[in-house]
Structures are given as C-alpha cells and as structure tokens.
C-alpha cells in the first residue's frame, strides 16, 4: 500500500493504533521463545518469512496499482538490503533468544535508534551532538550490563554472552537497514520499499532450507504454529503497516515514544510465561538503555525503521 496522503486520525484513534503496535511487537519476543522450543533458529526464520511472503504476494496481486514498481538497477541493492537488514537481523535475533530472555533481547534491539545515530555520523555525515553522544554511550553501557551481568543467576555462561552478541548483531543489521535504505526512500514509499526488501531478501533463505525444516514443521504443535503465524502476520505485516501509517500522520518523536513500552511489555510477559527472574543488574541495564534512548531521540527528528 502506498503511503496515505490524506489520512487523518483523531487522537484516541492514534493512541489505539500505537497501542496495538506495542502489543504485537511486545509479544513478538516471547513468541519467538515459544517457537524456538520446536524449531531451530534458522527454520523459525524461514517459517516466519514464508508466512510473511504469502501475505505480501497476496497484497501485491490484489492491489498492484498501489505500489511503485522497483527499477531493475535497484534490484541488487534491494536484495542486499533485505538479506542483511531483514533476514540476517532475524537470524541473529532468533539465535540470541535461544540463550537470552525475551526481555533482554527486546532491550538490546531497542538500541537500534542509538546505533543509527552512530552509523549516520560515520556514513551520512550527520551531526553528532553532545546530547546524542551522551545518550549513545549510556545506552551502550546498558547493553553491556545486560549482556554480561544481566543473567538471572550468578553464573555467566558463554552461551548467554554469545546469545546477547547475536541479538546485538541483529540490532546493528537493523540500524544498517535504516541508514542504507534512506536514499531509496527518495524513489519508493516506505511500504513499497519494505515489501520489496522482504520479498527479495527472503530469497537469501533458500540455501538454508533443509530436510529438518519439513520434519520440524510436521511435528509442530498448535502453540508453535500460532507463534509462527502471529510473528508473520501480526508482528511483521500488520505491525510495520501500522508503523508507516503512524509516521505518515505524526512526527517521529511522537511515534517513537511508544517504542519505550515494548521492552517493558516483553519483560513482563517473559516473567509470567517463562518465570524469567528480573535481576538488579537487568533493571540497571534496562534503565541505562531507556535513558540513552530518550537522550538520543530528544533531538532526533529523522524517521527510523525499527
């Protein structure tokens, strides 16, 4: 769907719309954990985007005139953007959630706006203010605390650290996606670019398809299927559609403030579903991440794809 030029929403409608986004994205991290009980992190990624691709292809077939067609010269760039910014992002996130809690994963992913500031400073020559620099340092210190000291027991396992590193790599990929895709938004609407990026990027998953995918899919329970379908339809398709609609009618700062609730919701859900204990270091790290994000976004008026 092309971005809507004349969309007008009442305040309560906008709040309701963003609350729905917070809920579907907040549940995404626990649902990844549920799906990982029955699928490998690679097969979960494949299954999720199989669902997403079916929905997106259906939308393209039903409403082809609503989308600007991709230029042939852009196809390689769109594929690379999709593979690294979307597919590698989810591979890293799914790998990491094998070892870290959904709450910890959501907090690390929440640093994407901070990482965007760093990458934009390096590659786009965007100004790095003292406030943004302070926010970046504080947020990254929070990630370090969560990654090294945020485990729910006293021992620090190497798998936990590797898991946190996998999620951090996912966050870096998400930030790269935002920065690298910025120039393409001059030629495509946000939704058009997102759809083409996902569809072409998904082709990069073909070499990862193995016999285990069919074996795990056949053995999946109703809970597993529900988690995968929820992640594909609600967290990906509906979540990103609402996100771009919101960015069309409100400023980034007005929209981004709702994202602060996602790690909180994911942590609460994780506590009740998996009995994940919330340690003092986890709270400290999470607080540092949130403070850093607030400082970075105070002056950040640019659109961020999270």
C-alpha atoms as a PDB file:
ATOM      1  CA  UNK A   1       0.000   0.000   0.000  1.00  0.00           C
ATOM      2  CA  UNK A   2       1.376   3.404  -0.889  1.00  0.00           C
ATOM      3  CA  UNK A   3       1.617   5.875   1.920  1.00  0.00           C
ATOM      4  CA  UNK A   4      -1.702   7.598   2.504  1.00  0.00           C
ATOM      5  CA  UNK A   5      -1.605  11.283   1.730  1.00  0.00           C
ATOM      6  CA  UNK A   6      -4.918  12.334   3.251  1.00  0.00           C
ATOM      7  CA  UNK A   7      -5.080  10.067   6.309  1.00  0.00           C
ATOM      8  CA  UNK A   8      -6.458  11.924   9.318  1.00  0.00           C
ATOM      9  CA  UNK A   9      -6.782  10.352  12.737  1.00  0.00           C
ATOM     10  CA  UNK A  10      -8.332  11.554  15.957  1.00  0.00           C
ATOM     11  CA  UNK A  11      -6.043  11.455  18.973  1.00  0.00           C
ATOM     12  CA  UNK A  12      -7.786   8.438  20.527  1.00  0.00           C
ATOM     13  CA  UNK A  13      -7.526   6.576  17.204  1.00  0.00           C
ATOM     14  CA  UNK A  14      -3.784   7.236  17.038  1.00  0.00           C
ATOM     15  CA  UNK A  15      -3.303   6.093  20.640  1.00  0.00           C
ATOM     16  CA  UNK A  16      -5.318   2.935  19.929  1.00  0.00           C
ATOM     17  CA  UNK A  17      -3.308   2.274  16.764  1.00  0.00           C
ATOM     18  CA  UNK A  18       0.061   2.669  18.508  1.00  0.00           C
ATOM     19  CA  UNK A  19      -1.105   0.594  21.471  1.00  0.00           C
ATOM     20  CA  UNK A  20      -1.859  -2.219  19.032  1.00  0.00           C
ATOM     21  CA  UNK A  21       1.655  -1.882  17.611  1.00  0.00           C
ATOM     22  CA  UNK A  22       3.223  -2.013  21.076  1.00  0.00           C
ATOM     23  CA  UNK A  23       1.232  -5.152  21.866  1.00  0.00           C
ATOM     24  CA  UNK A  24       2.091  -7.087  18.674  1.00  0.00           C
ATOM     25  CA  UNK A  25       5.781  -6.096  18.882  1.00  0.00           C
ATOM     26  CA  UNK A  26       5.917  -6.640  22.634  1.00  0.00           C
ATOM     27  CA  UNK A  27       4.551 -10.167  22.233  1.00  0.00           C
ATOM     28  CA  UNK A  28       6.959 -10.901  19.353  1.00  0.00           C
ATOM     29  CA  UNK A  29       9.952 -11.555  21.615  1.00  0.00           C
ATOM     30  CA  UNK A  30       8.165 -14.070  23.896  1.00  0.00           C
ATOM     31  CA  UNK A  31       6.561 -15.738  20.864  1.00  0.00           C
ATOM     32  CA  UNK A  32       9.995 -16.195  19.305  1.00  0.00           C
ATOM     33  CA  UNK A  33      10.981 -18.015  22.501  1.00  0.00           C
ATOM     34  CA  UNK A  34       7.899 -20.241  22.241  1.00  0.00           C
ATOM     35  CA  UNK A  35       8.562 -21.082  18.585  1.00  0.00           C
ATOM     36  CA  UNK A  36      12.216 -21.869  19.357  1.00  0.00           C
ATOM     37  CA  UNK A  37      11.052 -24.697  21.594  1.00  0.00           C
ATOM     38  CA  UNK A  38      10.005 -26.563  18.420  1.00  0.00           C
ATOM     39  CA  UNK A  39      12.066 -25.001  15.629  1.00  0.00           C
ATOM     40  CA  UNK A  40      15.746 -24.273  15.127  1.00  0.00           C
ATOM     41  CA  UNK A  41      16.576 -20.574  14.864  1.00  0.00           C
ATOM     42  CA  UNK A  42      17.143 -20.977  11.097  1.00  0.00           C
ATOM     43  CA  UNK A  43      13.902 -22.864  10.483  1.00  0.00           C
ATOM     44  CA  UNK A  44      11.949 -20.342  12.561  1.00  0.00           C
ATOM     45  CA  UNK A  45      13.278 -17.556  10.337  1.00  0.00           C
ATOM     46  CA  UNK A  46      12.290 -19.485   7.205  1.00  0.00           C
ATOM     47  CA  UNK A  47       8.819 -20.333   8.530  1.00  0.00           C
ATOM     48  CA  UNK A  48       8.151 -16.762   9.652  1.00  0.00           C
ATOM     49  CA  UNK A  49       9.046 -15.269   6.295  1.00  0.00           C
ATOM     50  CA  UNK A  50       7.212 -17.978   4.397  1.00  0.00           C
ATOM     51  CA  UNK A  51       4.060 -16.693   6.124  1.00  0.00           C
ATOM     52  CA  UNK A  52       5.039 -13.054   5.553  1.00  0.00           C
ATOM     53  CA  UNK A  53       5.839 -13.600   1.855  1.00  0.00           C
ATOM     54  CA  UNK A  54       2.499 -15.299   1.205  1.00  0.00           C
ATOM     55  CA  UNK A  55       0.635 -12.340   2.708  1.00  0.00           C
ATOM     56  CA  UNK A  56       2.744  -9.741   0.849  1.00  0.00           C
ATOM     57  CA  UNK A  57       2.445 -11.522  -2.502  1.00  0.00           C
ATOM     58  CA  UNK A  58      -1.326 -11.661  -1.968  1.00  0.00           C
ATOM     59  CA  UNK A  59      -1.399  -7.913  -1.301  1.00  0.00           C
ATOM     60  CA  UNK A  60       0.663  -7.206  -4.431  1.00  0.00           C
ATOM     61  CA  UNK A  61      -1.615  -9.368  -6.584  1.00  0.00           C
ATOM     62  CA  UNK A  62      -4.802  -7.839  -5.202  1.00  0.00           C
ATOM     63  CA  UNK A  63      -3.673  -4.202  -5.317  1.00  0.00           C
ATOM     64  CA  UNK A  64      -0.789  -3.939  -7.812  1.00  0.00           C
ATOM     65  CA  UNK A  65      -1.501  -0.300  -8.749  1.00  0.00           C
ATOM     66  CA  UNK A  66      -0.909   0.884  -5.204  1.00  0.00           C
ATOM     67  CA  UNK A  67       2.817   0.103  -5.428  1.00  0.00           C
ATOM     68  CA  UNK A  68       5.574   1.716  -7.476  1.00  0.00           C
ATOM     69  CA  UNK A  69       7.440  -0.999  -9.400  1.00  0.00           C
ATOM     70  CA  UNK A  70      11.118  -1.477  -8.470  1.00  0.00           C
ATOM     71  CA  UNK A  71      13.717  -0.337 -11.005  1.00  0.00           C
ATOM     72  CA  UNK A  72      15.905  -3.125 -12.390  1.00  0.00           C
ATOM     73  CA  UNK A  73      19.070  -1.286 -11.386  1.00  0.00           C
ATOM     74  CA  UNK A  74      17.829  -1.217  -7.789  1.00  0.00           C
ATOM     75  CA  UNK A  75      17.160  -4.961  -7.511  1.00  0.00           C
ATOM     76  CA  UNK A  76      20.666  -5.983  -6.314  1.00  0.00           C
ATOM     77  CA  UNK A  77      20.665  -3.208  -3.702  1.00  0.00           C
ATOM     78  CA  UNK A  78      17.160  -4.113  -2.563  1.00  0.00           C
ATOM     79  CA  UNK A  79      18.166  -7.775  -2.233  1.00  0.00           C
ATOM     80  CA  UNK A  80      21.262  -6.946  -0.160  1.00  0.00           C
ATOM     81  CA  UNK A  81      19.247  -4.533   1.957  1.00  0.00           C
ATOM     82  CA  UNK A  82      16.635  -7.220   2.570  1.00  0.00           C
ATOM     83  CA  UNK A  83      19.055 -10.056   3.205  1.00  0.00           C
ATOM     84  CA  UNK A  84      21.260  -8.244   5.710  1.00  0.00           C
ATOM     85  CA  UNK A  85      18.774  -5.737   7.133  1.00  0.00           C
ATOM     86  CA  UNK A  86      15.845  -8.133   7.485  1.00  0.00           C
ATOM     87  CA  UNK A  87      16.921 -11.783   7.159  1.00  0.00           C
ATOM     88  CA  UNK A  88      20.289 -11.618   8.977  1.00  0.00           C
ATOM     89  CA  UNK A  89      18.554  -9.396  11.540  1.00  0.00           C
ATOM     90  CA  UNK A  90      16.036 -12.139  12.336  1.00  0.00           C
ATOM     91  CA  UNK A  91      18.637 -14.909  12.203  1.00  0.00           C
ATOM     92  CA  UNK A  92      20.694 -13.045  14.797  1.00  0.00           C
ATOM     93  CA  UNK A  93      17.657 -12.309  16.956  1.00  0.00           C
ATOM     94  CA  UNK A  94      16.359 -15.891  16.799  1.00  0.00           C
ATOM     95  CA  UNK A  95      19.818 -17.287  17.540  1.00  0.00           C
ATOM     96  CA  UNK A  96      20.205 -14.970  20.519  1.00  0.00           C
ATOM     97  CA  UNK A  97      16.826 -15.786  22.028  1.00  0.00           C
ATOM     98  CA  UNK A  98      17.909 -19.392  22.402  1.00  0.00           C
ATOM     99  CA  UNK A  99      20.066 -18.179  25.311  1.00  0.00           C
ATOM    100  CA  UNK A 100      18.797 -14.784  26.487  1.00  0.00           C
ATOM    101  CA  UNK A 101      15.370 -13.839  27.780  1.00  0.00           C
ATOM    102  CA  UNK A 102      12.795 -12.066  25.579  1.00  0.00           C
ATOM    103  CA  UNK A 103      13.087  -9.025  27.855  1.00  0.00           C
ATOM    104  CA  UNK A 104      16.867  -8.823  27.444  1.00  0.00           C
ATOM    105  CA  UNK A 105      16.561  -9.299  23.680  1.00  0.00           C
ATOM    106  CA  UNK A 106      13.958  -6.541  23.377  1.00  0.00           C
ATOM    107  CA  UNK A 107      16.149  -4.118  25.334  1.00  0.00           C
ATOM    108  CA  UNK A 108      19.177  -4.795  23.140  1.00  0.00           C
ATOM    109  CA  UNK A 109      17.065  -4.416  19.975  1.00  0.00           C
ATOM    110  CA  UNK A 110      15.742  -1.140  21.390  1.00  0.00           C
ATOM    111  CA  UNK A 111      19.216   0.361  20.850  1.00  0.00           C
ATOM    112  CA  UNK A 112      18.674   0.470  17.065  1.00  0.00           C
ATOM    113  CA  UNK A 113      17.985   4.259  17.132  1.00  0.00           C
ATOM    114  CA  UNK A 114      21.256   4.720  19.049  1.00  0.00           C
ATOM    115  CA  UNK A 115      23.192   2.642  16.514  1.00  0.00           C
ATOM    116  CA  UNK A 116      21.551   4.604  13.697  1.00  0.00           C
ATOM    117  CA  UNK A 117      22.983   7.804  15.175  1.00  0.00           C
ATOM    118  CA  UNK A 118      26.483   6.279  15.111  1.00  0.00           C
ATOM    119  CA  UNK A 119      26.180   4.950  11.547  1.00  0.00           C
ATOM    120  CA  UNK A 120      24.605   8.167  10.257  1.00  0.00           C
ATOM    121  CA  UNK A 121      27.513  10.109  11.757  1.00  0.00           C
ATOM    122  CA  UNK A 122      30.043   7.785  10.043  1.00  0.00           C
ATOM    123  CA  UNK A 123      28.402   7.297   6.633  1.00  0.00           C
ATOM    124  CA  UNK A 124      25.966  10.197   6.183  1.00  0.00           C
ATOM    125  CA  UNK A 125      27.964  12.976   7.855  1.00  0.00           C
ATOM    126  CA  UNK A 126      25.051  13.749  10.148  1.00  0.00           C
ATOM    127  CA  UNK A 127      25.825  15.949  13.145  1.00  0.00           C
ATOM    128  CA  UNK A 128      26.537  14.174  16.434  1.00  0.00           C
ATOM    129  CA  UNK A 129      25.526  16.484  19.295  1.00  0.00           C
ATOM    130  CA  UNK A 130      26.800  16.197  22.861  1.00  0.00           C
ATOM    131  CA  UNK A 131      23.348  15.026  23.958  1.00  0.00           C
ATOM    132  CA  UNK A 132      23.264  12.280  21.315  1.00  0.00           C
ATOM    133  CA  UNK A 133      26.811  11.236  22.185  1.00  0.00           C
ATOM    134  CA  UNK A 134      25.953  11.005  25.873  1.00  0.00           C
ATOM    135  CA  UNK A 135      22.784   9.054  25.096  1.00  0.00           C
ATOM    136  CA  UNK A 136      24.717   6.663  22.853  1.00  0.00           C
ATOM    137  CA  UNK A 137      27.363   5.960  25.494  1.00  0.00           C
ATOM    138  CA  UNK A 138      24.769   5.475  28.256  1.00  0.00           C
ATOM    139  CA  UNK A 139      22.614   3.124  26.144  1.00  0.00           C
ATOM    140  CA  UNK A 140      25.590   1.019  25.036  1.00  0.00           C
ATOM    141  CA  UNK A 141      26.734   0.766  28.670  1.00  0.00           C
ATOM    142  CA  UNK A 142      23.266  -0.544  29.433  1.00  0.00           C
ATOM    143  CA  UNK A 143      23.617  -3.200  26.710  1.00  0.00           C
ATOM    144  CA  UNK A 144      26.998  -4.191  28.195  1.00  0.00           C
ATOM    145  CA  UNK A 145      25.447  -4.574  31.665  1.00  0.00           C
ATOM    146  CA  UNK A 146      22.570  -6.679  30.295  1.00  0.00           C
ATOM    147  CA  UNK A 147      24.871  -8.787  28.130  1.00  0.00           C
ATOM    148  CA  UNK A 148      27.471  -9.567  30.792  1.00  0.00           C
ATOM    149  CA  UNK A 149      25.701  -9.196  34.144  1.00  0.00           C
ATOM    150  CA  UNK A 150      22.002  -9.423  33.340  1.00  0.00           C
ATOM    151  CA  UNK A 151      21.667 -13.209  33.581  1.00  0.00           C
ATOM    152  CA  UNK A 152      19.042 -14.437  36.035  1.00  0.00           C
ATOM    153  CA  UNK A 153      21.538 -16.463  38.099  1.00  0.00           C
ATOM    154  CA  UNK A 154      25.017 -15.786  39.430  1.00  0.00           C
ATOM    155  CA  UNK A 155      26.899 -17.738  36.758  1.00  0.00           C
ATOM    156  CA  UNK A 156      27.870 -16.200  33.444  1.00  0.00           C
ATOM    157  CA  UNK A 157      27.607 -18.788  30.687  1.00  0.00           C
ATOM    158  CA  UNK A 158      29.446 -18.378  27.402  1.00  0.00           C
ATOM    159  CA  UNK A 159      26.234 -19.254  25.520  1.00  0.00           C
ATOM    160  CA  UNK A 160      24.457 -16.357  27.228  1.00  0.00           C
ATOM    161  CA  UNK A 161      27.173 -13.936  26.099  1.00  0.00           C
ATOM    162  CA  UNK A 162      27.099 -15.336  22.552  1.00  0.00           C
ATOM    163  CA  UNK A 163      23.303 -15.064  22.592  1.00  0.00           C
ATOM    164  CA  UNK A 164      23.464 -11.420  23.627  1.00  0.00           C
ATOM    165  CA  UNK A 165      26.083 -10.844  20.924  1.00  0.00           C
ATOM    166  CA  UNK A 166      23.754 -12.432  18.349  1.00  0.00           C
ATOM    167  CA  UNK A 167      20.960 -10.037  19.322  1.00  0.00           C
ATOM    168  CA  UNK A 168      23.400  -7.101  19.210  1.00  0.00           C
ATOM    169  CA  UNK A 169      24.408  -8.122  15.673  1.00  0.00           C
ATOM    170  CA  UNK A 170      20.694  -8.134  14.823  1.00  0.00           C
ATOM    171  CA  UNK A 171      20.412  -4.582  16.183  1.00  0.00           C
ATOM    172  CA  UNK A 172      23.407  -3.498  14.063  1.00  0.00           C
ATOM    173  CA  UNK A 173      21.737  -5.041  10.992  1.00  0.00           C
ATOM    174  CA  UNK A 174      18.532  -3.152  11.802  1.00  0.00           C
ATOM    175  CA  UNK A 175      20.475   0.102  12.052  1.00  0.00           C
ATOM    176  CA  UNK A 176      22.307  -0.597   8.782  1.00  0.00           C
ATOM    177  CA  UNK A 177      18.939  -1.246   7.147  1.00  0.00           C
ATOM    178  CA  UNK A 178      17.713   2.169   8.264  1.00  0.00           C
ATOM    179  CA  UNK A 179      20.794   4.057   7.093  1.00  0.00           C
ATOM    180  CA  UNK A 180      21.325   2.137   3.829  1.00  0.00           C
ATOM    181  CA  UNK A 181      17.643   2.330   2.883  1.00  0.00           C
ATOM    182  CA  UNK A 182      17.435   6.067   3.480  1.00  0.00           C
ATOM    183  CA  UNK A 183      18.414   7.054  -0.069  1.00  0.00           C
ATOM    184  CA  UNK A 184      15.951   4.596  -1.634  1.00  0.00           C
ATOM    185  CA  UNK A 185      13.089   6.300   0.148  1.00  0.00           C
ATOM    186  CA  UNK A 186      13.512   9.123  -2.353  1.00  0.00           C
ATOM    187  CA  UNK A 187      12.272   6.730  -5.065  1.00  0.00           C
ATOM    188  CA  UNK A 188       9.895   4.457  -3.165  1.00  0.00           C
ATOM    189  CA  UNK A 189       7.326   4.861  -0.448  1.00  0.00           C
ATOM    190  CA  UNK A 190       8.226   3.311   2.890  1.00  0.00           C
ATOM    191  CA  UNK A 191       5.732   0.494   2.496  1.00  0.00           C
ATOM    192  CA  UNK A 192       6.696  -0.284  -1.104  1.00  0.00           C
ATOM    193  CA  UNK A 193      10.370  -0.461  -0.193  1.00  0.00           C
ATOM    194  CA  UNK A 194       9.641  -2.643   2.839  1.00  0.00           C
ATOM    195  CA  UNK A 195       7.612  -5.132   0.778  1.00  0.00           C
ATOM    196  CA  UNK A 196      10.234  -5.439  -1.978  1.00  0.00           C
ATOM    197  CA  UNK A 197      13.059  -5.655   0.553  1.00  0.00           C
ATOM    198  CA  UNK A 198      11.343  -8.509   2.411  1.00  0.00           C
ATOM    199  CA  UNK A 199      10.340 -10.436  -0.721  1.00  0.00           C
ATOM    200  CA  UNK A 200      13.755 -10.196  -2.399  1.00  0.00           C
ATOM    201  CA  UNK A 201      15.681 -10.619   0.846  1.00  0.00           C
ATOM    202  CA  UNK A 202      13.748 -13.807   1.577  1.00  0.00           C
ATOM    203  CA  UNK A 203      15.391 -15.409  -1.463  1.00  0.00           C
ATOM    204  CA  UNK A 204      18.581 -15.461   0.594  1.00  0.00           C
ATOM    205  CA  UNK A 205      16.962 -18.056   2.863  1.00  0.00           C
ATOM    206  CA  UNK A 206      16.710 -20.662   0.082  1.00  0.00           C
ATOM    207  CA  UNK A 207      20.232 -22.116   0.679  1.00  0.00           C
ATOM    208  CA  UNK A 208      19.298 -22.645   4.353  1.00  0.00           C
ATOM    209  CA  UNK A 209      16.325 -24.906   3.560  1.00  0.00           C
ATOM    210  CA  UNK A 210      16.979 -28.467   4.726  1.00  0.00           C
ATOM    211  CA  UNK A 211      15.129 -31.698   5.454  1.00  0.00           C
ATOM    212  CA  UNK A 212      14.899 -30.679   9.108  1.00  0.00           C
ATOM    213  CA  UNK A 213      12.529 -27.845   8.128  1.00  0.00           C
ATOM    214  CA  UNK A 214       9.855 -30.295   6.955  1.00  0.00           C
ATOM    215  CA  UNK A 215      10.467 -32.608   9.900  1.00  0.00           C
ATOM    216  CA  UNK A 216      10.122 -29.802  12.442  1.00  0.00           C
ATOM    217  CA  UNK A 217       7.117 -28.257  10.661  1.00  0.00           C
ATOM    218  CA  UNK A 218       5.222 -31.587  10.640  1.00  0.00           C
ATOM    219  CA  UNK A 219       5.920 -32.115  14.343  1.00  0.00           C
ATOM    220  CA  UNK A 220       4.877 -28.594  15.402  1.00  0.00           C
ATOM    221  CA  UNK A 221       2.119 -28.186  17.981  1.00  0.00           C
ATOM    222  CA  UNK A 222      -0.766 -25.732  17.767  1.00  0.00           C
ATOM    223  CA  UNK A 223       1.190 -23.402  20.081  1.00  0.00           C
ATOM    224  CA  UNK A 224       4.149 -23.469  17.690  1.00  0.00           C
ATOM    225  CA  UNK A 225       2.005 -22.751  14.634  1.00  0.00           C
ATOM    226  CA  UNK A 226       0.177 -19.965  16.442  1.00  0.00           C
ATOM    227  CA  UNK A 227       3.506 -18.366  17.414  1.00  0.00           C
ATOM    228  CA  UNK A 228       4.839 -18.518  13.832  1.00  0.00           C
ATOM    229  CA  UNK A 229       1.624 -17.161  12.289  1.00  0.00           C
ATOM    230  CA  UNK A 230       1.425 -14.411  14.905  1.00  0.00           C
ATOM    231  CA  UNK A 231       5.043 -13.405  14.204  1.00  0.00           C
ATOM    232  CA  UNK A 232       4.460 -13.379  10.449  1.00  0.00           C
ATOM    233  CA  UNK A 233       1.023 -11.784  10.164  1.00  0.00           C
ATOM    234  CA  UNK A 234       0.742  -9.563  13.231  1.00  0.00           C
ATOM    235  CA  UNK A 235       4.295  -8.663  14.301  1.00  0.00           C
ATOM    236  CA  UNK A 236       5.637  -8.258  10.756  1.00  0.00           C
ATOM    237  CA  UNK A 237       2.889  -7.393   8.243  1.00  0.00           C
ATOM    238  CA  UNK A 238       0.376  -5.594  10.471  1.00  0.00           C
ATOM    239  CA  UNK A 239       2.997  -4.146  12.827  1.00  0.00           C
ATOM    240  CA  UNK A 240       5.013  -2.487  10.058  1.00  0.00           C
ATOM    241  CA  UNK A 241       1.877  -1.324   8.218  1.00  0.00           C
ATOM    242  CA  UNK A 242       0.639   0.500  11.317  1.00  0.00           C
ATOM    243  CA  UNK A 243       4.144   1.875  11.920  1.00  0.00           C
ATOM    244  CA  UNK A 244       4.320   3.532   8.500  1.00  0.00           C
ATOM    245  CA  UNK A 245       0.757   4.834   8.783  1.00  0.00           C
ATOM    246  CA  UNK A 246       1.703   6.411  12.108  1.00  0.00           C
ATOM    247  CA  UNK A 247       4.849   8.007  10.668  1.00  0.00           C
ATOM    248  CA  UNK A 248       2.690   9.483   7.913  1.00  0.00           C
ATOM    249  CA  UNK A 249       0.398  11.385  10.288  1.00  0.00           C
ATOM    250  CA  UNK A 250       2.692  12.118  13.255  1.00  0.00           C
ATOM    251  CA  UNK A 251       6.298  13.157  13.842  1.00  0.00           C
ATOM    252  CA  UNK A 252       8.932  10.524  14.621  1.00  0.00           C
ATOM    253  CA  UNK A 253       9.288  11.795  18.193  1.00  0.00           C
ATOM    254  CA  UNK A 254       5.543  11.381  18.761  1.00  0.00           C
ATOM    255  CA  UNK A 255       5.634   7.844  17.391  1.00  0.00           C
ATOM    256  CA  UNK A 256       8.943   6.724  18.900  1.00  0.00           C
ATOM    257  CA  UNK A 257       7.859   7.383  22.485  1.00  0.00           C
ATOM    258  CA  UNK A 258       5.548   4.359  22.256  1.00  0.00           C
ATOM    259  CA  UNK A 259       8.517   2.105  21.465  1.00  0.00           C
ATOM    260  CA  UNK A 260       9.833   2.578  25.003  1.00  0.00           C
ATOM    261  CA  UNK A 261       6.939   0.422  26.232  1.00  0.00           C
ATOM    262  CA  UNK A 262       7.922  -2.615  24.148  1.00  0.00           C
ATOM    263  CA  UNK A 263      10.847  -3.873  26.314  1.00  0.00           C
ATOM    264  CA  UNK A 264       8.731  -3.310  29.422  1.00  0.00           C
ATOM    265  CA  UNK A 265       5.846  -5.356  27.984  1.00  0.00           C
ATOM    266  CA  UNK A 266       8.180  -8.097  26.707  1.00  0.00           C
ATOM    267  CA  UNK A 267       9.856  -8.347  30.112  1.00  0.00           C
ATOM    268  CA  UNK A 268       6.519  -8.620  31.934  1.00  0.00           C
ATOM    269  CA  UNK A 269       5.213 -11.264  29.502  1.00  0.00           C
ATOM    270  CA  UNK A 270       8.502 -13.167  29.768  1.00  0.00           C
ATOM    271  CA  UNK A 271       8.237 -13.112  33.560  1.00  0.00           C
ATOM    272  CA  UNK A 272       4.784 -14.695  33.560  1.00  0.00           C
ATOM    273  CA  UNK A 273       5.278 -17.132  30.650  1.00  0.00           C
ATOM    274  CA  UNK A 274       8.795 -18.368  31.391  1.00  0.00           C
ATOM    275  CA  UNK A 275       9.298 -17.329  35.023  1.00  0.00           C
ATOM    276  CA  UNK A 276      12.295 -15.233  33.943  1.00  0.00           C
ATOM    277  CA  UNK A 277      13.603 -13.516  37.048  1.00  0.00           C
ATOM    278  CA  UNK A 278      14.359  -9.819  36.840  1.00  0.00           C
ATOM    279  CA  UNK A 279      17.735  -9.118  38.464  1.00  0.00           C
ATOM    280  CA  UNK A 280      19.068  -5.842  39.803  1.00  0.00           C
ATOM    281  CA  UNK A 281      21.663  -5.716  37.000  1.00  0.00           C
ATOM    282  CA  UNK A 282      18.919  -6.318  34.421  1.00  0.00           C
ATOM    283  CA  UNK A 283      16.937  -3.376  35.812  1.00  0.00           C
ATOM    284  CA  UNK A 284      20.096  -1.228  35.868  1.00  0.00           C
ATOM    285  CA  UNK A 285      20.986  -2.130  32.276  1.00  0.00           C
ATOM    286  CA  UNK A 286      17.426  -1.583  31.095  1.00  0.00           C
ATOM    287  CA  UNK A 287      17.278   1.811  32.796  1.00  0.00           C
ATOM    288  CA  UNK A 288      20.531   2.882  31.125  1.00  0.00           C
ATOM    289  CA  UNK A 289      19.206   1.800  27.708  1.00  0.00           C
ATOM    290  CA  UNK A 290      15.951   3.742  28.191  1.00  0.00           C
ATOM    291  CA  UNK A 291      17.734   6.883  29.434  1.00  0.00           C
ATOM    292  CA  UNK A 292      20.118   6.712  26.481  1.00  0.00           C
ATOM    293  CA  UNK A 293      17.250   6.315  24.021  1.00  0.00           C
ATOM    294  CA  UNK A 294      15.403   9.295  25.471  1.00  0.00           C
ATOM    295  CA  UNK A 295      18.509  11.493  25.177  1.00  0.00           C
ATOM    296  CA  UNK A 296      19.156  10.381  21.585  1.00  0.00           C
ATOM    297  CA  UNK A 297      15.548  10.900  20.472  1.00  0.00           C
ATOM    298  CA  UNK A 298      15.093  14.307  22.090  1.00  0.00           C
ATOM    299  CA  UNK A 299      16.592  15.996  19.045  1.00  0.00           C
ATOM    300  CA  UNK A 300      16.242  13.158  16.551  1.00  0.00           C
ATOM    301  CA  UNK A 301      13.603  14.111  14.003  1.00  0.00           C
ATOM    302  CA  UNK A 302      14.519  11.606  11.336  1.00  0.00           C
ATOM    303  CA  UNK A 303      12.432   8.574  10.518  1.00  0.00           C
ATOM    304  CA  UNK A 304      13.796   5.354  11.963  1.00  0.00           C
ATOM    305  CA  UNK A 305      12.696   1.901  10.730  1.00  0.00           C
ATOM    306  CA  UNK A 306      12.638  -0.309  13.765  1.00  0.00           C
END
